[in-house]
């Protein structure tokens, strides 16, 4: 079973996509403050579920302490963010 099979992850993905779609319609005055904050919050939910699922495995608990893994987590979040915009 993968984190992508979890119902909570699927629903959080739907929420993230909705947030990105809706915030795309916000007025320009909100695009530099409110929009990025809402998008980061929605993305954080999805990322935290995936990260928490991974940490339940013994081996990944050790790996999460590594700075390289932390960097990869940020790259995954960035790639996910870019996929929502396309």
N, C-alpha and C. Protein backbone atom coordinates (compact mmCIF):
# COMPACT_ATOMS: atom_id res chain seq x y z
N UNK A 1 0.85 -1.18 0.00
CA UNK A 1 0.00 0.00 0.00
C UNK A 1 0.89 1.25 0.00
N UNK A 2 0.53 2.19 -0.82
CA UNK A 2 1.26 3.46 -0.92
C UNK A 2 0.40 4.58 -0.36
N UNK A 3 1.04 5.71 -0.04
CA UNK A 3 0.27 6.84 0.49
C UNK A 3 -0.76 7.34 -0.52
N UNK A 4 -0.51 7.11 -1.81
CA UNK A 4 -1.46 7.54 -2.83
C UNK A 4 -2.75 6.73 -2.80
N UNK A 5 -2.74 5.62 -2.08
CA UNK A 5 -3.94 4.80 -1.94
C UNK A 5 -4.84 5.27 -0.79
N UNK A 6 -4.32 6.12 0.08
CA UNK A 6 -5.08 6.59 1.23
C UNK A 6 -6.20 7.55 0.81
N UNK A 7 -7.36 7.37 1.36
CA UNK A 7 -8.50 8.23 1.05
C UNK A 7 -8.21 9.67 1.45
N UNK A 8 -7.58 9.85 2.60
CA UNK A 8 -7.27 11.20 3.07
C UNK A 8 -6.32 11.91 2.12
N UNK A 9 -5.36 11.17 1.54
CA UNK A 9 -4.44 11.78 0.58
C UNK A 9 -5.18 12.17 -0.70
N UNK A 10 -6.07 11.30 -1.17
CA UNK A 10 -6.84 11.60 -2.38
C UNK A 10 -7.70 12.84 -2.18
N UNK A 11 -8.34 12.94 -1.02
CA UNK A 11 -9.17 14.11 -0.75
C UNK A 11 -8.34 15.38 -0.60
N UNK A 12 -7.15 15.25 -0.01
CA UNK A 12 -6.29 16.43 0.12
C UNK A 12 -5.77 16.87 -1.25
N UNK A 13 -5.56 15.92 -2.17
CA UNK A 13 -5.17 16.27 -3.54
C UNK A 13 -6.30 17.04 -4.23
N UNK A 14 -7.53 16.58 -4.03
CA UNK A 14 -8.67 17.29 -4.61
C UNK A 14 -8.74 18.71 -4.05
N UNK A 15 -8.53 18.84 -2.75
CA UNK A 15 -8.55 20.15 -2.13
C UNK A 15 -7.44 21.05 -2.70
N UNK A 16 -6.25 20.50 -2.84
CA UNK A 16 -5.13 21.29 -3.37
C UNK A 16 -5.41 21.76 -4.79
N UNK A 17 -5.93 20.88 -5.61
CA UNK A 17 -6.26 21.26 -6.99
C UNK A 17 -7.34 22.34 -7.01
N UNK A 18 -8.32 22.20 -6.13
CA UNK A 18 -9.38 23.21 -6.05
C UNK A 18 -8.82 24.56 -5.61
N UNK A 19 -7.96 24.53 -4.61
CA UNK A 19 -7.35 25.78 -4.12
C UNK A 19 -6.57 26.45 -5.24
N UNK A 20 -5.78 25.68 -5.97
CA UNK A 20 -5.00 26.27 -7.06
C UNK A 20 -5.91 26.83 -8.16
N UNK A 21 -6.99 26.10 -8.45
CA UNK A 21 -7.91 26.58 -9.48
C UNK A 21 -8.61 27.86 -9.04
N UNK A 22 -9.11 27.87 -7.81
CA UNK A 22 -9.86 29.02 -7.30
C UNK A 22 -8.95 30.24 -7.11
N UNK A 23 -7.76 30.03 -6.58
CA UNK A 23 -6.87 31.17 -6.36
C UNK A 23 -6.39 31.78 -7.67
N UNK A 24 -6.48 31.01 -8.74
CA UNK A 24 -6.13 31.55 -10.05
C UNK A 24 -7.10 32.63 -10.51
N UNK A 25 -8.27 32.68 -9.88
CA UNK A 25 -9.29 33.68 -10.25
C UNK A 25 -9.28 34.90 -9.33
N UNK A 26 -8.39 34.89 -8.34
CA UNK A 26 -8.34 36.02 -7.41
C UNK A 26 -7.86 37.29 -8.10
N UNK A 27 -8.24 38.43 -7.59
CA UNK A 27 -7.79 39.70 -8.19
C UNK A 27 -6.28 39.88 -8.02
N UNK A 28 -5.68 40.65 -8.92
CA UNK A 28 -4.23 40.87 -8.86
C UNK A 28 -3.73 41.38 -7.52
N UNK A 29 -4.52 42.13 -6.82
CA UNK A 29 -4.08 42.68 -5.53
C UNK A 29 -3.82 41.59 -4.49
N UNK A 30 -4.39 40.42 -4.69
CA UNK A 30 -4.22 39.32 -3.72
C UNK A 30 -3.16 38.31 -4.14
N UNK A 31 -2.62 38.46 -5.32
CA UNK A 31 -1.72 37.44 -5.88
C UNK A 31 -0.37 37.34 -5.20
N UNK A 32 0.01 38.33 -4.42
CA UNK A 32 1.34 38.30 -3.81
C UNK A 32 1.32 37.99 -2.33
N UNK A 33 0.14 37.99 -1.73
CA UNK A 33 0.07 37.71 -0.30
C UNK A 33 -0.85 36.52 -0.02
N UNK A 34 -2.10 36.67 -0.31
CA UNK A 34 -3.09 35.65 0.04
C UNK A 34 -2.96 34.39 -0.80
N UNK A 35 -2.80 34.54 -2.10
CA UNK A 35 -2.76 33.38 -3.00
C UNK A 35 -1.62 32.43 -2.66
N UNK A 36 -0.38 32.90 -2.56
CA UNK A 36 0.70 31.95 -2.24
C UNK A 36 0.52 31.28 -0.88
N UNK A 37 -0.01 32.02 0.07
CA UNK A 37 -0.22 31.45 1.41
C UNK A 37 -1.25 30.32 1.35
N UNK A 38 -2.33 30.52 0.63
CA UNK A 38 -3.36 29.48 0.50
C UNK A 38 -2.81 28.27 -0.26
N UNK A 39 -2.04 28.52 -1.30
CA UNK A 39 -1.48 27.42 -2.07
C UNK A 39 -0.47 26.62 -1.26
N UNK A 40 0.37 27.30 -0.50
CA UNK A 40 1.34 26.59 0.35
C UNK A 40 0.63 25.75 1.40
N UNK A 41 -0.44 26.28 1.97
CA UNK A 41 -1.19 25.53 2.99
C UNK A 41 -1.80 24.27 2.40
N UNK A 42 -2.39 24.39 1.22
CA UNK A 42 -3.00 23.22 0.57
C UNK A 42 -1.94 22.19 0.21
N UNK A 43 -0.82 22.65 -0.28
CA UNK A 43 0.27 21.76 -0.65
C UNK A 43 0.88 21.10 0.59
N UNK A 44 0.91 21.81 1.68
CA UNK A 44 1.46 21.28 2.92
C UNK A 44 0.66 20.08 3.42
N UNK A 45 -0.63 20.12 3.27
CA UNK A 45 -1.47 19.00 3.72
C UNK A 45 -1.08 17.73 2.98
N UNK A 46 -1.02 17.82 1.66
CA UNK A 46 -0.68 16.67 0.83
C UNK A 46 0.72 16.16 1.18
N UNK A 47 1.65 17.07 1.29
CA UNK A 47 3.04 16.70 1.57
C UNK A 47 3.19 16.05 2.93
N UNK A 48 2.51 16.59 3.93
CA UNK A 48 2.62 16.03 5.28
C UNK A 48 2.04 14.63 5.37
N UNK A 49 0.98 14.37 4.64
CA UNK A 49 0.41 13.01 4.64
C UNK A 49 1.40 12.04 4.03
N UNK A 50 1.97 12.42 2.89
CA UNK A 50 2.94 11.55 2.22
C UNK A 50 4.17 11.33 3.09
N UNK A 51 4.67 12.39 3.69
CA UNK A 51 5.86 12.29 4.53
C UNK A 51 5.58 11.45 5.77
N UNK A 52 4.44 11.64 6.39
CA UNK A 52 4.08 10.86 7.57
C UNK A 52 3.92 9.39 7.25
N UNK A 53 3.38 9.10 6.09
CA UNK A 53 3.21 7.70 5.68
C UNK A 53 4.58 7.04 5.52
N UNK A 54 5.51 7.77 4.93
CA UNK A 54 6.85 7.24 4.71
C UNK A 54 7.57 7.02 6.02
N UNK A 55 7.35 7.88 6.97
CA UNK A 55 8.07 7.77 8.25
C UNK A 55 7.60 6.61 9.11
N UNK A 56 6.50 5.99 8.73
CA UNK A 56 6.04 4.85 9.51
C UNK A 56 6.91 3.62 9.28
N UNK A 57 7.71 3.66 8.25
CA UNK A 57 8.61 2.55 7.99
C UNK A 57 9.91 2.76 8.75
N UNK A 58 10.43 1.72 9.33
CA UNK A 58 11.61 1.82 10.18
C UNK A 58 12.80 2.44 9.45
N UNK A 59 13.07 2.01 8.24
CA UNK A 59 14.24 2.48 7.51
C UNK A 59 14.13 3.98 7.22
N UNK A 60 12.95 4.44 6.87
CA UNK A 60 12.81 5.85 6.51
C UNK A 60 12.92 6.77 7.73
N UNK A 61 12.66 6.25 8.93
CA UNK A 61 12.84 7.08 10.13
C UNK A 61 14.30 7.48 10.26
N UNK A 62 15.18 6.58 9.92
CA UNK A 62 16.61 6.88 9.97
C UNK A 62 16.97 7.86 8.86
N UNK A 63 16.44 7.65 7.67
CA UNK A 63 16.77 8.50 6.53
C UNK A 63 16.24 9.92 6.67
N UNK A 64 15.16 10.13 7.38
CA UNK A 64 14.58 11.46 7.49
C UNK A 64 15.50 12.44 8.21
N UNK A 65 16.45 11.94 8.94
CA UNK A 65 17.40 12.82 9.62
C UNK A 65 18.45 13.37 8.65
N UNK A 66 18.56 12.76 7.50
CA UNK A 66 19.58 13.17 6.53
C UNK A 66 19.19 14.46 5.82
N UNK A 67 20.10 15.43 5.74
CA UNK A 67 19.82 16.68 5.02
C UNK A 67 19.49 16.43 3.55
N UNK A 68 20.08 15.40 2.95
CA UNK A 68 19.81 15.10 1.55
C UNK A 68 18.35 14.71 1.36
N UNK A 69 17.81 13.94 2.28
CA UNK A 69 16.41 13.54 2.20
C UNK A 69 15.51 14.76 2.36
N UNK A 70 15.87 15.66 3.26
CA UNK A 70 15.08 16.88 3.42
C UNK A 70 15.06 17.68 2.13
N UNK A 71 16.20 17.75 1.46
CA UNK A 71 16.28 18.46 0.19
C UNK A 71 15.38 17.79 -0.85
N UNK A 72 15.39 16.47 -0.88
CA UNK A 72 14.55 15.74 -1.83
C UNK A 72 13.07 15.97 -1.54
N UNK A 73 12.72 16.07 -0.26
CA UNK A 73 11.33 16.36 0.09
C UNK A 73 10.90 17.69 -0.50
N UNK A 74 11.74 18.71 -0.43
CA UNK A 74 11.40 20.02 -1.00
C UNK A 74 11.30 19.94 -2.51
N UNK A 75 12.17 19.13 -3.13
CA UNK A 75 12.10 18.97 -4.59
C UNK A 75 10.79 18.30 -4.98
N UNK A 76 10.37 17.30 -4.22
CA UNK A 76 9.10 16.63 -4.51
C UNK A 76 7.94 17.61 -4.40
N UNK A 77 7.96 18.45 -3.38
CA UNK A 77 6.90 19.44 -3.21
C UNK A 77 6.89 20.42 -4.38
N UNK A 78 8.07 20.83 -4.82
CA UNK A 78 8.15 21.77 -5.94
C UNK A 78 7.62 21.12 -7.22
N UNK A 79 8.01 19.89 -7.48
CA UNK A 79 7.53 19.18 -8.67
C UNK A 79 6.02 19.02 -8.61
N UNK A 80 5.49 18.68 -7.44
CA UNK A 80 4.04 18.57 -7.28
C UNK A 80 3.36 19.90 -7.56
N UNK A 81 3.92 20.97 -7.02
CA UNK A 81 3.37 22.31 -7.22
C UNK A 81 3.33 22.66 -8.70
N UNK A 82 4.40 22.36 -9.40
CA UNK A 82 4.45 22.64 -10.83
C UNK A 82 3.43 21.82 -11.60
N UNK A 83 3.18 20.58 -11.16
CA UNK A 83 2.21 19.74 -11.87
C UNK A 83 0.79 20.26 -11.69
N UNK A 84 0.51 20.95 -10.58
CA UNK A 84 -0.81 21.52 -10.39
C UNK A 84 -1.05 22.71 -11.31
N UNK A 85 0.00 23.43 -11.63
CA UNK A 85 -0.14 24.61 -12.49
C UNK A 85 -0.25 24.27 -13.96
N UNK A 86 0.05 23.02 -14.33
CA UNK A 86 -0.02 22.67 -15.75
C UNK A 86 -1.31 22.01 -16.13
